[in-house]
Amino acid sequence: MGKVVASFKVFPEDVDVSLEEIKKRIKENLPPEASIHKFEEEPIAFGLKAIIAHIILPEDVGGEMDKIENILSRIEKVSQVQFLMVRRV
């Protein structure tokens, strides 16, 4: 079974929100078939940073991108989630 890495940009509600806490909640809320490849932080403006979450998923499961995006958007202190790209590994 092939794997893909899907990248999502996760925006916190405020500059004072702990990015480490959001990263922890992302890991805790992922379904069993998904895992974190890595996190990156991207400066946005005025001290606000977004998290780029690179998530490994099975290639042959349909609807996973929407499922992951919904999970990420329901995490407390997250204001917005943006799907960036998907690529095979």
PDB file of N, CA and C in Angstrom:
ATOM      1  N   MET A   1       0.851  -1.179   0.000  1.00  0.00           N
ATOM      2  CA  MET A   1       0.000   0.000   0.000  1.00  0.00           C
ATOM      3  C   MET A   1       0.892   1.235   0.000  1.00  0.00           C
ATOM      4  N   GLY A   2       0.631   2.171  -0.916  1.00  0.00           N
ATOM      5  CA  GLY A   2       1.398   3.401  -0.999  1.00  0.00           C
ATOM      6  C   GLY A   2       0.972   4.401   0.067  1.00  0.00           C
ATOM      7  N   LYS A   3       1.827   5.364   0.279  1.00  0.00           N
ATOM      8  CA  LYS A   3       1.560   6.423   1.258  1.00  0.00           C
ATOM      9  C   LYS A   3       1.690   7.775   0.578  1.00  0.00           C
ATOM     10  N   VAL A   4       0.962   8.745   1.115  1.00  0.00           N
ATOM     11  CA  VAL A   4       1.074  10.118   0.656  1.00  0.00           C
ATOM     12  C   VAL A   4       1.315  11.024   1.863  1.00  0.00           C
ATOM     13  N   VAL A   5       1.903  12.176   1.595  1.00  0.00           N
ATOM     14  CA  VAL A   5       2.040  13.207   2.624  1.00  0.00           C
ATOM     15  C   VAL A   5       1.153  14.367   2.200  1.00  0.00           C
ATOM     16  N   ALA A   6       0.207  14.701   3.060  1.00  0.00           N
ATOM     17  CA  ALA A   6      -0.689  15.833   2.830  1.00  0.00           C
ATOM     18  C   ALA A   6      -0.247  16.971   3.740  1.00  0.00           C
ATOM     19  N   SER A   7      -0.167  18.164   3.191  1.00  0.00           N
ATOM     20  CA  SER A   7       0.263  19.334   3.961  1.00  0.00           C
ATOM     21  C   SER A   7      -0.916  20.276   4.176  1.00  0.00           C
ATOM     22  N   PHE A   8      -1.086  20.676   5.431  1.00  0.00           N
ATOM     23  CA  PHE A   8      -2.171  21.571   5.827  1.00  0.00           C
ATOM     24  C   PHE A   8      -1.587  22.757   6.582  1.00  0.00           C
ATOM     25  N   LYS A   9      -2.092  23.952   6.297  1.00  0.00           N
ATOM     26  CA  LYS A   9      -1.705  25.147   7.045  1.00  0.00           C
ATOM     27  C   LYS A   9      -2.786  25.398   8.091  1.00  0.00           C
ATOM     28  N   VAL A  10      -2.364  25.428   9.355  1.00  0.00           N
ATOM     29  CA  VAL A  10      -3.283  25.574  10.480  1.00  0.00           C
ATOM     30  C   VAL A  10      -3.030  26.938  11.126  1.00  0.00           C
ATOM     31  N   PHE A  11      -4.066  27.782  11.148  1.00  0.00           N
ATOM     32  CA  PHE A  11      -3.954  29.125  11.699  1.00  0.00           C
ATOM     33  C   PHE A  11      -4.520  29.171  13.112  1.00  0.00           C
ATOM     34  N   PRO A  12      -3.756  29.665  14.079  1.00  0.00           N
ATOM     35  CA  PRO A  12      -4.295  29.829  15.431  1.00  0.00           C
ATOM     36  C   PRO A  12      -5.248  31.019  15.484  1.00  0.00           C
ATOM     37  N   GLU A  13      -6.095  31.052  16.513  1.00  0.00           N
ATOM     38  CA  GLU A  13      -7.054  32.150  16.683  1.00  0.00           C
ATOM     39  C   GLU A  13      -6.373  33.477  16.976  1.00  0.00           C
ATOM     40  N   ASP A  14      -5.239  33.423  17.677  1.00  0.00           N
ATOM     41  CA  ASP A  14      -4.604  34.648  18.161  1.00  0.00           C
ATOM     42  C   ASP A  14      -3.106  34.434  18.277  1.00  0.00           C
ATOM     43  N   VAL A  15      -2.367  35.504  18.351  1.00  0.00           N
ATOM     44  CA  VAL A  15      -0.920  35.448  18.484  1.00  0.00           C
ATOM     45  C   VAL A  15      -0.497  34.832  19.822  1.00  0.00           C
ATOM     46  N   ASP A  16      -1.376  34.901  20.832  1.00  0.00           N
ATOM     47  CA  ASP A  16      -1.057  34.383  22.164  1.00  0.00           C
ATOM     48  C   ASP A  16      -1.325  32.893  22.319  1.00  0.00           C
ATOM     49  N   VAL A  17      -1.883  32.255  21.322  1.00  0.00           N
ATOM     50  CA  VAL A  17      -2.188  30.824  21.392  1.00  0.00           C
ATOM     51  C   VAL A  17      -0.889  30.029  21.287  1.00  0.00           C
ATOM     52  N   SER A  18      -0.741  29.027  22.142  1.00  0.00           N
ATOM     53  CA  SER A  18       0.444  28.172  22.145  1.00  0.00           C
ATOM     54  C   SER A  18       0.433  27.235  20.935  1.00  0.00           C
ATOM     55  N   LEU A  19       1.422  27.389  20.061  1.00  0.00           N
ATOM     56  CA  LEU A  19       1.520  26.512  18.897  1.00  0.00           C
ATOM     57  C   LEU A  19       1.838  25.085  19.319  1.00  0.00           C
ATOM     58  N   GLU A  20       2.594  24.934  20.395  1.00  0.00           N
ATOM     59  CA  GLU A  20       2.934  23.595  20.893  1.00  0.00           C
ATOM     60  C   GLU A  20       1.676  22.862  21.358  1.00  0.00           C
ATOM     61  N   GLU A  21       0.762  23.578  21.960  1.00  0.00           N
ATOM     62  CA  GLU A  21      -0.501  22.972  22.406  1.00  0.00           C
ATOM     63  C   GLU A  21      -1.338  22.534  21.205  1.00  0.00           C
ATOM     64  N   ILE A  22      -1.367  23.353  20.165  1.00  0.00           N
ATOM     65  CA  ILE A  22      -2.104  22.976  18.949  1.00  0.00           C
ATOM     66  C   ILE A  22      -1.460  21.751  18.307  1.00  0.00           C
ATOM     67  N   LYS A  23      -0.142  21.708  18.243  1.00  0.00           N
ATOM     68  CA  LYS A  23       0.552  20.546  17.669  1.00  0.00           C
ATOM     69  C   LYS A  23       0.209  19.280  18.452  1.00  0.00           C
ATOM     70  N   LYS A  24       0.196  19.389  19.762  1.00  0.00           N
ATOM     71  CA  LYS A  24      -0.144  18.247  20.621  1.00  0.00           C
ATOM     72  C   LYS A  24      -1.566  17.762  20.322  1.00  0.00           C
ATOM     73  N   ARG A  25      -2.488  18.690  20.192  1.00  0.00           N
ATOM     74  CA  ARG A  25      -3.888  18.324  19.918  1.00  0.00           C
ATOM     75  C   ARG A  25      -4.057  17.729  18.526  1.00  0.00           C
ATOM     76  N   ILE A  26      -3.273  18.204  17.570  1.00  0.00           N
ATOM     77  CA  ILE A  26      -3.322  17.615  16.227  1.00  0.00           C
ATOM     78  C   ILE A  26      -2.927  16.143  16.317  1.00  0.00           C
ATOM     79  N   LYS A  27      -1.814  15.854  16.986  1.00  0.00           N
ATOM     80  CA  LYS A  27      -1.351  14.465  17.131  1.00  0.00           C
ATOM     81  C   LYS A  27      -2.400  13.598  17.816  1.00  0.00           C
ATOM     82  N   GLU A  28      -3.039  14.129  18.849  1.00  0.00           N
ATOM     83  CA  GLU A  28      -4.022  13.366  19.621  1.00  0.00           C
ATOM     84  C   GLU A  28      -5.304  13.081  18.833  1.00  0.00           C
ATOM     85  N   ASN A  29      -5.660  13.940  17.906  1.00  0.00           N
ATOM     86  CA  ASN A  29      -6.935  13.829  17.203  1.00  0.00           C
ATOM     87  C   ASN A  29      -6.872  13.133  15.852  1.00  0.00           C
ATOM     88  N   LEU A  30      -5.679  12.815  15.386  1.00  0.00           N
ATOM     89  CA  LEU A  30      -5.568  12.147  14.091  1.00  0.00           C
ATOM     90  C   LEU A  30      -6.130  10.734  14.163  1.00  0.00           C
ATOM     91  N   PRO A  31      -6.740  10.259  13.078  1.00  0.00           N
ATOM     92  CA  PRO A  31      -7.212   8.868  13.055  1.00  0.00           C
ATOM     93  C   PRO A  31      -6.022   7.903  13.071  1.00  0.00           C
ATOM     94  N   PRO A  32      -6.252   6.639  13.426  1.00  0.00           N
ATOM     95  CA  PRO A  32      -5.151   5.681  13.559  1.00  0.00           C
ATOM     96  C   PRO A  32      -4.333   5.470  12.291  1.00  0.00           C
ATOM     97  N   GLU A  33      -4.947   5.632  11.127  1.00  0.00           N
ATOM     98  CA  GLU A  33      -4.213   5.401   9.877  1.00  0.00           C
ATOM     99  C   GLU A  33      -3.332   6.583   9.473  1.00  0.00           C
ATOM    100  N   ALA A  34      -3.416   7.688  10.194  1.00  0.00           N
ATOM    101  CA  ALA A  34      -2.638   8.895   9.885  1.00  0.00           C
ATOM    102  C   ALA A  34      -1.559   9.114  10.937  1.00  0.00           C
ATOM    103  N   SER A  35      -0.454   9.721  10.508  1.00  0.00           N
ATOM    104  CA  SER A  35       0.617  10.065  11.448  1.00  0.00           C
ATOM    105  C   SER A  35       1.300  11.356  10.991  1.00  0.00           C
ATOM    106  N   ILE A  36       1.936  12.018  11.937  1.00  0.00           N
ATOM    107  CA  ILE A  36       2.643  13.262  11.629  1.00  0.00           C
ATOM    108  C   ILE A  36       4.005  12.944  11.041  1.00  0.00           C
ATOM    109  N   HIS A  37       4.299  13.534   9.903  1.00  0.00           N
ATOM    110  CA  HIS A  37       5.650  13.439   9.344  1.00  0.00           C
ATOM    111  C   HIS A  37       6.521  14.506  10.007  1.00  0.00           C
ATOM    112  N   LYS A  38       6.021  15.761   9.975  1.00  0.00           N
ATOM    113  CA  LYS A  38       6.722  16.854  10.661  1.00  0.00           C
ATOM    114  C   LYS A  38       5.823  18.074  10.718  1.00  0.00           C
ATOM    115  N   PHE A  39       6.216  19.001  11.589  1.00  0.00           N
ATOM    116  CA  PHE A  39       5.570  20.304  11.697  1.00  0.00           C
ATOM    117  C   PHE A  39       6.570  21.370  11.299  1.00  0.00           C
ATOM    118  N   GLU A  40       6.072  22.441  10.697  1.00  0.00           N
ATOM    119  CA  GLU A  40       6.861  23.637  10.432  1.00  0.00           C
ATOM    120  C   GLU A  40       6.045  24.827  10.908  1.00  0.00           C
ATOM    121  N   GLU A  41       6.716  25.922  11.178  1.00  0.00           N
ATOM    122  CA  GLU A  41       6.027  27.158  11.555  1.00  0.00           C
ATOM    123  C   GLU A  41       6.320  28.207  10.498  1.00  0.00           C
ATOM    124  N   GLU A  42       5.280  28.922  10.092  1.00  0.00           N
ATOM    125  CA  GLU A  42       5.415  29.944   9.052  1.00  0.00           C
ATOM    126  C   GLU A  42       4.926  31.278   9.586  1.00  0.00           C
ATOM    127  N   PRO A  43       5.787  32.298   9.610  1.00  0.00           N
ATOM    128  CA  PRO A  43       5.344  33.622  10.049  1.00  0.00           C
ATOM    129  C   PRO A  43       4.285  34.179   9.097  1.00  0.00           C
ATOM    130  N   ILE A  44       3.233  34.770   9.678  1.00  0.00           N
ATOM    131  CA  ILE A  44       2.155  35.358   8.876  1.00  0.00           C
ATOM    132  C   ILE A  44       2.262  36.882   8.915  1.00  0.00           C
ATOM    133  N   ALA A  45       1.974  37.476  10.071  1.00  0.00           N
ATOM    134  CA  ALA A  45       2.067  38.930  10.230  1.00  0.00           C
ATOM    135  C   ALA A  45       1.901  39.293  11.698  1.00  0.00           C
ATOM    136  N   PHE A  46       2.551  40.353  12.111  1.00  0.00           N
ATOM    137  CA  PHE A  46       2.402  40.907  13.457  1.00  0.00           C
ATOM    138  C   PHE A  46       2.602  39.867  14.560  1.00  0.00           C
ATOM    139  N   GLY A  47       3.576  38.988  14.379  1.00  0.00           N
ATOM    140  CA  GLY A  47       3.881  37.977  15.386  1.00  0.00           C
ATOM    141  C   GLY A  47       3.057  36.709  15.273  1.00  0.00           C
ATOM    142  N   LEU A  48       2.053  36.690  14.407  1.00  0.00           N
ATOM    143  CA  LEU A  48       1.226  35.497  14.224  1.00  0.00           C
ATOM    144  C   LEU A  48       1.966  34.488  13.357  1.00  0.00           C
ATOM    145  N   LYS A  49       1.948  33.227  13.784  1.00  0.00           N
ATOM    146  CA  LYS A  49       2.572  32.149  13.021  1.00  0.00           C
ATOM    147  C   LYS A  49       1.539  31.069  12.756  1.00  0.00           C
ATOM    148  N   ALA A  50       1.641  30.466  11.577  1.00  0.00           N
ATOM    149  CA  ALA A  50       0.794  29.320  11.232  1.00  0.00           C
ATOM    150  C   ALA A  50       1.634  28.057  11.350  1.00  0.00           C
ATOM    151  N   ILE A  51       0.964  26.948  11.581  1.00  0.00           N
ATOM    152  CA  ILE A  51       1.618  25.644  11.626  1.00  0.00           C
ATOM    153  C   ILE A  51       1.378  24.957  10.290  1.00  0.00           C
ATOM    154  N   ILE A  52       2.444  24.450   9.700  1.00  0.00           N
ATOM    155  CA  ILE A  52       2.314  23.603   8.518  1.00  0.00           C
ATOM    156  C   ILE A  52       2.447  22.172   9.024  1.00  0.00           C
ATOM    157  N   ALA A  53       1.354  21.415   8.943  1.00  0.00           N
ATOM    158  CA  ALA A  53       1.340  20.029   9.401  1.00  0.00           C
ATOM    159  C   ALA A  53       1.455  19.118   8.188  1.00  0.00           C
ATOM    160  N   HIS A  54       2.517  18.317   8.152  1.00  0.00           N
ATOM    161  CA  HIS A  54       2.724  17.335   7.091  1.00  0.00           C
ATOM    162  C   HIS A  54       2.288  15.987   7.661  1.00  0.00           C
ATOM    163  N   ILE A  55       1.216  15.430   7.102  1.00  0.00           N
ATOM    164  CA  ILE A  55       0.572  14.240   7.656  1.00  0.00           C
ATOM    165  C   ILE A  55       0.652  13.093   6.651  1.00  0.00           C
ATOM    166  N   ILE A  56       1.133  11.936   7.130  1.00  0.00           N
ATOM    167  CA  ILE A  56       1.244  10.745   6.289  1.00  0.00           C
ATOM    168  C   ILE A  56      -0.074   9.972   6.348  1.00  0.00           C
ATOM    169  N   LEU A  57      -0.583   9.623   5.153  1.00  0.00           N
ATOM    170  CA  LEU A  57      -1.862   8.922   5.024  1.00  0.00           C
ATOM    171  C   LEU A  57      -1.722   7.785   4.014  1.00  0.00           C
ATOM    172  N   PRO A  58      -2.573   6.758   4.114  1.00  0.00           N
ATOM    173  CA  PRO A  58      -2.588   5.723   3.079  1.00  0.00           C
ATOM    174  C   PRO A  58      -3.090   6.306   1.761  1.00  0.00           C
ATOM    175  N   GLU A  59      -2.483   5.888   0.672  1.00  0.00           N
ATOM    176  CA  GLU A  59      -2.810   6.446  -0.636  1.00  0.00           C
ATOM    177  C   GLU A  59      -4.179   6.013  -1.154  1.00  0.00           C
ATOM    178  N   ASP A  60      -4.602   4.819  -0.827  1.00  0.00           N
ATOM    179  CA  ASP A  60      -5.793   4.251  -1.451  1.00  0.00           C
ATOM    180  C   ASP A  60      -7.095   4.460  -0.688  1.00  0.00           C
ATOM    181  N   VAL A  61      -7.086   5.309   0.332  1.00  0.00           N
ATOM    182  CA  VAL A  61      -8.314   5.564   1.095  1.00  0.00           C
ATOM    183  C   VAL A  61      -8.934   6.867   0.607  1.00  0.00           C
ATOM    184  N   GLY A  62     -10.176   6.811   0.156  1.00  0.00           N
ATOM    185  CA  GLY A  62     -10.855   7.991  -0.368  1.00  0.00           C
ATOM    186  C   GLY A  62     -11.417   8.874   0.733  1.00  0.00           C
ATOM    187  N   GLY A  63     -11.461  10.170   0.482  1.00  0.00           N
ATOM    188  CA  GLY A  63     -12.068  11.115   1.409  1.00  0.00           C
ATOM    189  C   GLY A  63     -11.222  11.491   2.610  1.00  0.00           C
ATOM    190  N   GLU A  64      -9.977  11.038   2.660  1.00  0.00           N
ATOM    191  CA  GLU A  64      -9.124  11.301   3.825  1.00  0.00           C
ATOM    192  C   GLU A  64      -8.773  12.778   3.971  1.00  0.00           C
ATOM    193  N   MET A  65      -8.560  13.488   2.872  1.00  0.00           N
ATOM    194  CA  MET A  65      -8.172  14.901   2.968  1.00  0.00           C
ATOM    195  C   MET A  65      -9.276  15.715   3.648  1.00  0.00           C
ATOM    196  N   ASP A  66     -10.513  15.489   3.233  1.00  0.00           N
ATOM    197  CA  ASP A  66     -11.639  16.201   3.853  1.00  0.00           C
ATOM    198  C   ASP A  66     -11.783  15.822   5.315  1.00  0.00           C
ATOM    199  N   LYS A  67     -11.620  14.541   5.615  1.00  0.00           N
ATOM    200  CA  LYS A  67     -11.727  14.063   6.994  1.00  0.00           C
ATOM    201  C   LYS A  67     -10.680  14.732   7.885  1.00  0.00           C
ATOM    202  N   ILE A  68      -9.431  14.777   7.417  1.00  0.00           N
ATOM    203  CA  ILE A  68      -8.345  15.396   8.191  1.00  0.00           C
ATOM    204  C   ILE A  68      -8.591  16.891   8.341  1.00  0.00           C
ATOM    205  N   GLU A  69      -8.995  17.548   7.269  1.00  0.00           N
ATOM    206  CA  GLU A  69      -9.265  18.985   7.335  1.00  0.00           C
ATOM    207  C   GLU A  69     -10.364  19.298   8.356  1.00  0.00           C
ATOM    208  N   ASN A  70     -11.408  18.482   8.390  1.00  0.00           N
ATOM    209  CA  ASN A  70     -12.478  18.671   9.377  1.00  0.00           C
ATOM    210  C   ASN A  70     -11.979  18.461  10.800  1.00  0.00           C
ATOM    211  N   ILE A  71     -11.159  17.444  11.003  1.00  0.00           N
ATOM    212  CA  ILE A  71     -10.596  17.182  12.335  1.00  0.00           C
ATOM    213  C   ILE A  71      -9.757  18.374  12.793  1.00  0.00           C
ATOM    214  N   LEU A  72      -8.897  18.868  11.903  1.00  0.00           N
ATOM    215  CA  LEU A  72      -8.015  19.988  12.263  1.00  0.00           C
ATOM    216  C   LEU A  72      -8.813  21.254  12.561  1.00  0.00           C
ATOM    217  N   SER A  73      -9.866  21.501  11.806  1.00  0.00           N
ATOM    218  CA  SER A  73     -10.631  22.739  11.996  1.00  0.00           C
ATOM    219  C   SER A  73     -11.447  22.730  13.291  1.00  0.00           C
ATOM    220  N   ARG A  74     -11.708  21.547  13.856  1.00  0.00           N
ATOM    221  CA  ARG A  74     -12.466  21.454  15.108  1.00  0.00           C
ATOM    222  C   ARG A  74     -11.584  21.543  16.357  1.00  0.00           C
ATOM    223  N   ILE A  75     -10.282  21.617  16.191  1.00  0.00           N
ATOM    224  CA  ILE A  75      -9.387  21.705  17.337  1.00  0.00           C
ATOM    225  C   ILE A  75      -9.536  23.080  17.988  1.00  0.00           C
ATOM    226  N   GLU A  76      -9.599  23.073  19.303  1.00  0.00           N
ATOM    227  CA  GLU A  76      -9.750  24.310  20.068  1.00  0.00           C
ATOM    228  C   GLU A  76      -8.585  25.257  19.783  1.00  0.00           C
ATOM    229  N   LYS A  77      -8.890  26.537  19.639  1.00  0.00           N
ATOM    230  CA  LYS A  77      -7.930  27.615  19.382  1.00  0.00           C
ATOM    231  C   LYS A  77      -7.437  27.667  17.934  1.00  0.00           C
ATOM    232  N   VAL A  78      -8.034  26.873  17.035  1.00  0.00           N
ATOM    233  CA  VAL A  78      -7.702  26.926  15.606  1.00  0.00           C
ATOM    234  C   VAL A  78      -8.782  27.737  14.916  1.00  0.00           C
ATOM    235  N   SER A  79      -8.361  28.750  14.153  1.00  0.00           N
ATOM    236  CA  SER A  79      -9.340  29.595  13.478  1.00  0.00           C
ATOM    237  C   SER A  79      -9.628  29.143  12.053  1.00  0.00           C
ATOM    238  N   GLN A  80      -8.604  28.579  11.385  1.00  0.00           N
ATOM    239  CA  GLN A  80      -8.775  28.235   9.971  1.00  0.00           C
ATOM    240  C   GLN A  80      -7.769  27.157   9.591  1.00  0.00           C
ATOM    241  N   VAL A  81      -8.158  26.300   8.637  1.00  0.00           N
ATOM    242  CA  VAL A  81      -7.271  25.270   8.104  1.00  0.00           C
ATOM    243  C   VAL A  81      -7.306  25.369   6.592  1.00  0.00           C
ATOM    244  N   GLN A  82      -6.127  25.317   5.994  1.00  0.00           N
ATOM    245  CA  GLN A  82      -6.026  25.414   4.539  1.00  0.00           C
ATOM    246  C   GLN A  82      -5.241  24.211   4.022  1.00  0.00           C
ATOM    247  N   PHE A  83      -5.833  23.461   3.087  1.00  0.00           N
ATOM    248  CA  PHE A  83      -5.125  22.352   2.445  1.00  0.00           C
ATOM    249  C   PHE A  83      -4.112  22.937   1.467  1.00  0.00           C
ATOM    250  N   LEU A  84      -2.854  22.476   1.539  1.00  0.00           N
ATOM    251  CA  LEU A  84      -1.818  23.013   0.665  1.00  0.00           C
ATOM    252  C   LEU A  84      -1.506  22.101  -0.497  1.00  0.00           C
ATOM    253  N   MET A  85      -1.130  20.842  -0.216  1.00  0.00           N
ATOM    254  CA  MET A  85      -0.761  19.930  -1.292  1.00  0.00           C
ATOM    255  C   MET A  85      -0.692  18.510  -0.773  1.00  0.00           C
ATOM    256  N   VAL A  86      -0.626  17.575  -1.725  1.00  0.00           N
ATOM    257  CA  VAL A  86      -0.432  16.169  -1.409  1.00  0.00           C
ATOM    258  C   VAL A  86       0.596  15.615  -2.380  1.00  0.00           C
ATOM    259  N   ARG A  87       1.447  14.717  -1.876  1.00  0.00           N
ATOM    260  CA  ARG A  87       2.460  14.099  -2.728  1.00  0.00           C
ATOM    261  C   ARG A  87       2.745  12.679  -2.239  1.00  0.00           C
ATOM    262  N   ARG A  88       3.184  11.845  -3.125  1.00  0.00           N
ATOM    263  CA  ARG A  88       3.510  10.457  -2.770  1.00  0.00           C
ATOM    264  C   ARG A  88       4.864  10.395  -2.077  1.00  0.00           C
ATOM    265  N   VAL A  89       4.979   9.405  -1.199  1.00  0.00           N
ATOM    266  CA  VAL A  89       6.281   9.157  -0.543  1.00  0.00           C
ATOM    267  C   VAL A  89       6.737   7.760  -0.834  1.00  0.00           C
TER     268      VAL A  89
END
